[in-house]
Amino acid sequence: MDSLYHLTTLLHQIEQLSATVLEPLPRPLSVAEVEHRLAHRQQLQALLRELEQAVNELPALPDPEGMAWAQALLALPTSLILEVDTTRLGSAAELLRLVLVRPSDGQTVFDQILRPQQGYDQASLTYNGLTPAQLEQAPALSTVWPSFAQQAQGRLLVSWNWEWDQDQLRRASRRLGLGAPVLLGIDLQEPARTFFSQPYAGLPTLCRLIGAPLPQPATAPDRARGQLAVLSAMAEGRLGLESEPTLEDMDETQPF
């Protein structure tokens, strides 16, 4: 209400002063008249600057193109949200878990923990909310890959860092002697960072921003639901609370 009153007052003052400034100049002009006119113009310029500042302080509006992009992904019947866990970083990484979630209703259509063949880093298990016991009871990738590929192929995979996830899936498929998988994906990370004006934020930061914080540690299904929450917020034009990412937030994008 205060902002509305301030804007209304400014507009009224500008309207009154504009009428004076736009009055026809008398001929001949006196020095006093010129000084009077200059003073009015300076007042008008000051009011216009104040008006610009008041408009800039209004609540931010979401990017309509970003909203439409998110709405299109949510409406696409062939889209699936993808999460990939791995044993470590680098070229020697093996898959630990594969998750696919349907954006239209949030249902998990694929979720499988995998037993790595060459060990793992404990840090990756902690980060992904997994335990050694879960891995010992899990099947090998070779027995799971056909069903995953059947679910994923022909779909649009929405991923938080699609380039990285795609690379892990390609490596895994080639290790099985199957060549590069035919998968189509789209990245959510950069469009979401742009939409929320958080250029360095990871998924946990944006989930907190929109009021849907992830548990710690967050499992792959948790993060998939987090991606869906971010995508839904974008589609609805919800920008969340204004906040600046911390150094911890900027380092939270480490994938495993």
Protein backbone atom coordinates (compact mmCIF):
# COMPACT_ATOMS: atom_id res chain seq x y z
CA MET A 1 0.00 0.00 0.00
CA ASP A 2 2.86 2.40 0.82
CA SER A 3 4.42 1.75 -2.60
CA LEU A 4 1.09 2.36 -4.31
CA TYR A 5 0.58 5.62 -2.41
CA HIS A 6 4.12 6.76 -3.22
CA LEU A 7 3.71 6.02 -6.92
CA THR A 8 0.30 7.69 -7.03
CA THR A 9 1.68 10.80 -5.33
CA LEU A 10 4.64 10.98 -7.70
CA LEU A 11 2.44 10.61 -10.77
CA HIS A 12 0.11 13.35 -9.51
CA GLN A 13 3.06 15.70 -8.89
CA ILE A 14 4.53 14.93 -12.31
CA GLU A 15 1.17 15.57 -13.98
CA GLN A 16 0.81 18.95 -12.28
CA LEU A 17 4.36 20.03 -13.02
CA SER A 18 4.18 18.81 -16.63
CA ALA A 19 1.23 21.09 -17.27
CA THR A 20 3.30 24.05 -16.12
CA VAL A 21 6.42 23.04 -18.04
CA LEU A 22 4.47 22.56 -21.26
CA GLU A 23 2.79 25.95 -21.17
CA PRO A 24 3.59 28.05 -24.29
CA LEU A 25 6.55 30.35 -23.85
CA PRO A 26 5.62 34.03 -23.61
CA ARG A 27 7.26 36.49 -25.97
CA PRO A 28 9.38 38.34 -25.18
CA LEU A 29 10.95 36.20 -22.43
CA SER A 30 12.20 37.77 -19.24
CA VAL A 31 15.16 36.51 -17.23
CA ALA A 32 12.83 35.78 -14.33
CA GLU A 33 10.55 33.71 -16.58
CA VAL A 34 13.48 31.67 -17.91
CA GLU A 35 14.76 30.99 -14.40
CA HIS A 36 11.24 30.02 -13.35
CA ARG A 37 10.91 27.60 -16.27
CA LEU A 38 14.35 26.07 -15.61
CA ALA A 39 13.48 25.49 -11.97
CA HIS A 40 10.28 23.67 -12.97
CA ARG A 41 12.16 21.48 -15.45
CA GLN A 42 14.74 20.57 -12.81
CA GLN A 43 11.94 19.66 -10.40
CA LEU A 44 10.34 17.53 -13.10
CA GLN A 45 13.64 15.74 -13.81
CA ALA A 46 14.07 15.02 -10.10
CA LEU A 47 10.54 13.61 -9.88
CA LEU A 48 11.11 11.45 -12.96
CA ARG A 49 14.31 10.03 -11.42
CA GLU A 50 12.40 9.31 -8.22
CA LEU A 51 9.65 7.64 -10.24
CA GLU A 52 12.19 5.47 -12.06
CA GLN A 53 13.69 4.39 -8.74
CA ALA A 54 10.23 3.60 -7.34
CA VAL A 55 9.40 1.47 -10.39
CA ASN A 56 12.73 -0.37 -10.09
CA GLU A 57 11.92 -1.19 -6.46
CA LEU A 58 8.65 -2.88 -7.34
CA PRO A 59 8.57 -6.69 -6.89
CA ALA A 60 10.45 -8.47 -9.65
CA LEU A 61 8.43 -10.01 -12.47
CA PRO A 62 9.31 -13.43 -13.89
CA ASP A 63 10.63 -13.85 -17.41
CA PRO A 64 7.62 -14.80 -19.59
CA GLU A 65 9.83 -16.78 -21.98
CA GLY A 66 11.21 -18.80 -19.07
CA MET A 67 7.67 -19.46 -17.84
CA ALA A 68 6.56 -20.62 -21.29
CA TRP A 69 9.64 -22.87 -21.61
CA ALA A 70 8.90 -24.58 -18.29
CA GLN A 71 5.20 -24.91 -19.09
CA ALA A 72 6.06 -26.58 -22.39
CA LEU A 73 8.32 -29.14 -20.68
CA LEU A 74 5.69 -29.94 -18.07
CA ALA A 75 3.01 -30.33 -20.73
CA LEU A 76 5.15 -32.54 -22.98
CA PRO A 77 3.88 -36.13 -22.51
CA THR A 78 7.24 -37.63 -23.45
CA SER A 79 9.39 -35.70 -20.95
CA LEU A 80 11.06 -37.38 -17.96
CA ILE A 81 13.24 -35.93 -15.22
CA LEU A 82 16.58 -37.71 -14.97
CA GLU A 83 18.95 -38.17 -12.02
CA VAL A 84 22.26 -40.03 -12.26
CA ASP A 85 24.51 -41.02 -9.32
CA THR A 86 28.09 -42.21 -9.87
CA THR A 87 30.85 -43.75 -7.77
CA ARG A 88 33.24 -40.84 -8.22
CA LEU A 89 34.17 -38.01 -10.55
CA GLY A 90 36.24 -38.50 -13.68
CA SER A 91 36.41 -41.02 -16.50
CA ALA A 92 36.60 -44.03 -14.13
CA ALA A 93 33.21 -43.28 -12.58
CA GLU A 94 30.56 -46.01 -12.60
CA LEU A 95 26.82 -45.59 -12.26
CA LEU A 96 25.38 -45.97 -8.75
CA ARG A 97 21.74 -45.10 -9.33
CA LEU A 98 19.40 -44.19 -12.18
CA VAL A 99 16.11 -42.40 -11.58
CA LEU A 100 13.38 -41.24 -13.97
CA VAL A 101 10.40 -39.19 -12.77
CA ARG A 102 7.36 -38.23 -14.81
CA PRO A 103 6.82 -34.43 -14.58
CA SER A 104 3.08 -34.57 -15.27
CA ASP A 105 2.26 -36.29 -11.96
CA GLY A 106 5.59 -36.62 -10.12
CA GLN A 107 5.52 -40.41 -10.28
CA THR A 108 8.81 -42.33 -10.33
CA VAL A 109 8.83 -44.55 -13.41
CA PHE A 110 12.35 -45.94 -12.90
CA ASP A 111 14.57 -46.14 -9.81
CA GLN A 112 17.42 -48.60 -9.56
CA ILE A 113 20.49 -48.71 -7.32
CA LEU A 114 23.45 -50.42 -9.02
CA ARG A 115 26.37 -52.48 -7.76
CA PRO A 116 29.65 -51.03 -9.10
CA GLN A 117 32.29 -53.39 -10.42
CA GLN A 118 35.38 -51.42 -9.39
CA GLY A 119 34.64 -50.02 -5.95
CA TYR A 120 33.52 -46.53 -4.99
CA ASP A 121 34.45 -43.45 -3.00
CA GLN A 122 32.74 -43.24 0.37
CA ALA A 123 32.21 -39.53 -0.28
CA SER A 124 29.98 -40.37 -3.25
CA LEU A 125 27.81 -42.65 -1.11
CA THR A 126 27.47 -40.00 1.59
CA TYR A 127 26.65 -37.31 -0.96
CA ASN A 128 23.99 -39.46 -2.61
CA GLY A 129 22.45 -40.80 0.60
CA LEU A 130 23.43 -44.43 -0.10
CA THR A 131 24.93 -47.15 2.10
CA PRO A 132 27.34 -50.01 1.30
CA ALA A 133 24.59 -52.48 2.24
CA GLN A 134 22.34 -51.08 -0.48
CA LEU A 135 25.07 -51.56 -3.08
CA GLU A 136 25.81 -55.13 -1.99
CA GLN A 137 22.19 -56.10 -2.60
CA ALA A 138 21.90 -54.21 -5.90
CA PRO A 139 22.10 -55.74 -9.39
CA ALA A 140 24.86 -55.06 -11.89
CA LEU A 141 24.35 -52.45 -14.59
CA SER A 142 24.27 -55.09 -17.34
CA THR A 143 21.03 -56.56 -15.97
CA VAL A 144 19.36 -53.17 -15.51
CA TRP A 145 20.43 -51.21 -18.58
CA PRO A 146 17.93 -52.73 -21.05
CA SER A 147 14.93 -51.71 -18.92
CA PHE A 148 16.39 -48.23 -18.33
CA ALA A 149 17.06 -47.74 -22.04
CA GLN A 150 13.52 -48.85 -22.85
CA GLN A 151 12.12 -46.20 -20.50
CA ALA A 152 14.51 -43.41 -21.57
CA GLN A 153 14.76 -43.77 -25.34
CA GLY A 154 12.27 -41.74 -27.30
CA ARG A 155 11.74 -39.42 -24.32
CA LEU A 156 12.99 -35.92 -23.60
CA LEU A 157 15.17 -36.22 -20.50
CA VAL A 158 15.22 -33.11 -18.30
CA SER A 159 18.45 -33.03 -16.31
CA TRP A 160 20.27 -30.76 -13.89
CA ASN A 161 23.48 -30.59 -15.95
CA TRP A 162 22.50 -32.68 -18.96
CA GLU A 163 25.98 -32.58 -20.49
CA TRP A 164 27.46 -34.35 -17.46
CA ASP A 165 24.64 -36.89 -17.15
CA GLN A 166 24.75 -37.66 -20.87
CA ASP A 167 28.50 -38.29 -20.65
CA GLN A 168 28.02 -40.75 -17.76
CA LEU A 169 25.31 -42.65 -19.64
CA ARG A 170 27.45 -42.84 -22.78
CA ARG A 171 30.43 -44.20 -20.84
CA ALA A 172 28.25 -46.78 -19.12
CA SER A 173 26.69 -47.96 -22.37
CA ARG A 174 30.05 -48.27 -24.09
CA ARG A 175 31.45 -50.32 -21.20
CA LEU A 176 28.65 -52.77 -21.88
CA GLY A 177 29.71 -52.93 -25.53
CA LEU A 178 26.52 -51.24 -26.72
CA GLY A 179 27.97 -48.03 -28.14
CA ALA A 180 26.54 -44.60 -27.46
CA PRO A 181 22.87 -44.67 -26.41
CA VAL A 182 20.33 -42.76 -28.50
CA LEU A 183 19.06 -40.31 -25.88
CA LEU A 184 17.58 -36.83 -26.17
CA GLY A 185 18.00 -34.46 -23.24
CA ILE A 186 17.68 -30.85 -22.18
CA ASP A 187 19.49 -28.96 -19.44
CA LEU A 188 17.54 -27.40 -16.56
CA GLN A 189 20.48 -25.94 -14.63
CA GLU A 190 21.31 -22.86 -16.72
CA PRO A 191 17.71 -21.91 -17.62
CA ALA A 192 16.77 -22.13 -13.93
CA ARG A 193 19.75 -20.06 -12.81
CA THR A 194 18.84 -17.41 -15.37
CA PHE A 195 15.15 -17.41 -14.44
CA PHE A 196 15.83 -16.95 -10.72
CA SER A 197 18.76 -14.54 -11.29
CA GLN A 198 21.08 -16.87 -9.34
CA PRO A 199 23.99 -17.47 -11.74
CA TYR A 200 26.00 -19.73 -9.40
CA ALA A 201 23.25 -21.50 -7.45
CA GLY A 202 22.95 -25.26 -7.29
CA LEU A 203 19.73 -27.23 -7.08
CA PRO A 204 19.59 -27.16 -3.22
CA THR A 205 19.80 -23.36 -3.22
CA LEU A 206 16.96 -22.94 -5.70
CA CYS A 207 14.84 -25.49 -3.86
CA ARG A 208 15.27 -23.48 -0.65
CA LEU A 209 14.51 -20.29 -2.56
CA ILE A 210 11.10 -21.58 -3.65
CA GLY A 211 10.26 -23.08 -0.26
CA ALA A 212 10.92 -26.73 -1.16
CA PRO A 213 14.24 -27.51 0.59
CA LEU A 214 15.96 -30.81 -0.11
CA PRO A 215 16.79 -33.19 2.75
CA GLN A 216 20.44 -33.67 3.67
CA PRO A 217 21.77 -35.83 2.26
CA ALA A 218 19.48 -35.74 -0.77
CA THR A 219 19.00 -39.01 -2.65
CA ALA A 220 18.54 -39.17 -6.41
CA PRO A 221 14.71 -39.37 -6.05
CA ASP A 222 14.86 -36.34 -3.72
CA ARG A 223 16.83 -34.37 -6.29
CA ALA A 224 14.51 -35.45 -9.11
CA ARG A 225 11.57 -34.12 -7.09
CA GLY A 226 13.62 -30.98 -6.48
CA GLN A 227 14.06 -30.52 -10.22
CA LEU A 228 10.30 -30.91 -10.64
CA ALA A 229 9.68 -28.33 -7.91
CA VAL A 230 12.00 -25.83 -9.62
CA LEU A 231 10.43 -26.49 -13.02
CA SER A 232 6.93 -26.06 -11.56
CA ALA A 233 7.93 -22.79 -9.87
CA MET A 234 9.26 -21.50 -13.19
CA ALA A 235 6.05 -22.49 -14.97
CA GLU A 236 3.98 -20.66 -12.34
CA GLY A 237 6.23 -17.59 -12.29
CA ARG A 238 7.20 -18.03 -8.64
CA LEU A 239 10.54 -16.36 -7.98
CA GLY A 240 10.72 -17.19 -4.28
CA LEU A 241 12.39 -15.10 -1.60
CA GLU A 242 15.27 -12.86 -2.60
CA SER A 243 18.62 -14.14 -1.36
CA GLU A 244 22.25 -14.16 -2.32
CA PRO A 245 23.98 -17.53 -2.76
CA THR A 246 26.69 -18.29 -0.21
CA LEU A 247 30.07 -19.82 -0.97
CA GLU A 248 28.61 -23.12 0.21
CA ASP A 249 25.75 -22.76 -2.28
CA MET A 250 28.20 -22.06 -5.09
CA ASP A 251 30.05 -25.33 -4.30
CA GLU A 252 26.99 -27.54 -4.00
CA THR A 253 26.80 -28.51 -7.66
CA GLN A 254 29.44 -31.25 -7.32
CA PRO A 255 27.94 -34.31 -9.07
CA PHE A 256 28.56 -37.98 -8.32
